[in-house]
Amino acid sequence: MVEALGYQPTPRPLTPAEHTVELLLTYERQGMAPARKALLRISAQKGAIIDHRLLAMHGIVAIMRGEFGKAVDIVRLLAQAKSLKGSQRQQ
């Protein structure tokens, strides 16, 4: 929309929610292994974090829909994101 008006949009860092949606899309389209790689890539970026609540919420929705395998995968991603967050604090 901004470009349609003839202006160049100002670059900005992605929000935690945008990183989380990127991670979930990678999981949905490519599976668990690429999603783990995407999580490592996101966590390696300076200042990039994952919205843990949003990720957990998607896990809960998967359980409510009866998609138990998906829910377990999301919980695994959440646990990995949490462990990466903890290891970044120690450094």
Protein backbone atom coordinates (compact mmCIF):
# COMPACT_ATOMS: atom_id res chain seq x y z
CA MET A 1 0.00 0.00 0.00
CA VAL A 2 2.78 2.39 0.91
CA GLU A 3 4.60 1.59 -2.35
CA ALA A 4 1.39 2.22 -4.31
CA LEU A 5 1.43 5.75 -2.94
CA GLY A 6 4.96 6.21 -4.24
CA TYR A 7 6.86 5.89 -0.97
CA GLN A 8 9.54 3.42 0.02
CA PRO A 9 8.59 1.55 3.20
CA THR A 10 11.04 1.87 6.09
CA PRO A 11 12.65 -1.47 6.94
CA ARG A 12 11.89 -2.69 10.43
CA PRO A 13 12.78 -5.77 12.46
CA LEU A 14 10.22 -8.56 12.57
CA THR A 15 8.11 -8.85 15.70
CA PRO A 16 8.12 -12.00 17.87
CA ALA A 17 4.67 -12.87 16.50
CA GLU A 18 5.94 -12.60 12.93
CA HIS A 19 8.89 -14.88 13.75
CA THR A 20 6.48 -17.38 15.31
CA VAL A 21 4.17 -17.34 12.29
CA GLU A 22 7.20 -17.87 10.04
CA LEU A 23 8.16 -20.87 12.18
CA LEU A 24 4.62 -22.32 12.10
CA LEU A 25 4.40 -21.88 8.34
CA THR A 26 7.71 -23.68 7.91
CA TYR A 27 6.38 -26.53 10.06
CA GLU A 28 3.09 -26.73 8.12
CA ARG A 29 4.70 -26.63 4.67
CA GLN A 30 7.94 -28.55 5.19
CA GLY A 31 7.71 -30.54 8.41
CA MET A 32 9.47 -30.79 11.74
CA ALA A 33 13.14 -30.96 10.66
CA PRO A 34 13.03 -27.74 8.59
CA ALA A 35 11.05 -26.05 11.38
CA ARG A 36 13.81 -26.89 13.87
CA LYS A 37 16.39 -25.45 11.48
CA ALA A 38 14.25 -22.33 11.09
CA LEU A 39 14.04 -22.01 14.87
CA LEU A 40 17.83 -22.22 15.15
CA ARG A 41 18.19 -19.60 12.39
CA ILE A 42 15.71 -17.26 14.07
CA SER A 43 17.33 -17.65 17.49
CA ALA A 44 20.76 -16.93 15.97
CA GLN A 45 19.58 -13.50 14.80
CA LYS A 46 20.42 -10.71 17.20
CA GLY A 47 17.30 -9.59 19.06
CA ALA A 48 15.02 -12.12 17.36
CA ILE A 49 12.71 -13.96 19.73
CA ILE A 50 9.73 -16.30 19.43
CA ASP A 51 6.33 -15.55 20.96
CA HIS A 52 6.06 -18.57 23.27
CA ARG A 53 2.41 -17.90 24.10
CA LEU A 54 1.40 -17.86 20.45
CA LEU A 55 3.28 -21.09 19.81
CA ALA A 56 1.67 -22.73 22.87
CA MET A 57 -1.75 -21.48 21.77
CA HIS A 58 -1.32 -23.23 18.42
CA GLY A 59 -0.43 -26.42 20.30
CA ILE A 60 -3.62 -26.15 22.33
CA VAL A 61 -5.69 -25.58 19.19
CA ALA A 62 -4.09 -28.67 17.62
CA ILE A 63 -5.16 -30.72 20.66
CA MET A 64 -8.69 -29.33 20.46
CA ARG A 65 -8.83 -30.32 16.78
CA GLY A 66 -7.63 -33.84 17.57
CA GLU A 67 -4.28 -33.34 15.80
CA PHE A 68 -2.22 -34.94 18.55
CA GLY A 69 0.91 -35.50 16.45
CA LYS A 70 0.94 -31.86 15.47
CA ALA A 71 0.41 -30.80 19.08
CA VAL A 72 3.37 -32.90 20.21
CA ASP A 73 5.55 -31.40 17.46
CA ILE A 74 4.58 -27.87 18.50
CA VAL A 75 5.33 -28.65 22.14
CA ARG A 76 8.74 -29.95 21.02
CA LEU A 77 9.38 -26.72 19.12
CA LEU A 78 8.30 -24.76 22.17
CA ALA A 79 10.65 -26.73 24.42
CA GLN A 80 13.52 -26.21 21.97
CA ALA A 81 12.77 -22.47 21.78
CA LYS A 82 12.77 -22.28 25.56
CA SER A 83 16.07 -24.14 25.86
CA LEU A 84 17.63 -21.88 23.21
CA LYS A 85 16.40 -18.84 25.11
CA GLY A 86 18.00 -20.18 28.31
CA SER A 87 21.31 -20.91 26.60
CA GLN A 88 21.39 -17.38 25.15
CA ARG A 89 21.02 -15.90 28.64
CA GLN A 90 24.02 -17.89 29.90
CA GLN A 91 26.30 -16.57 27.15
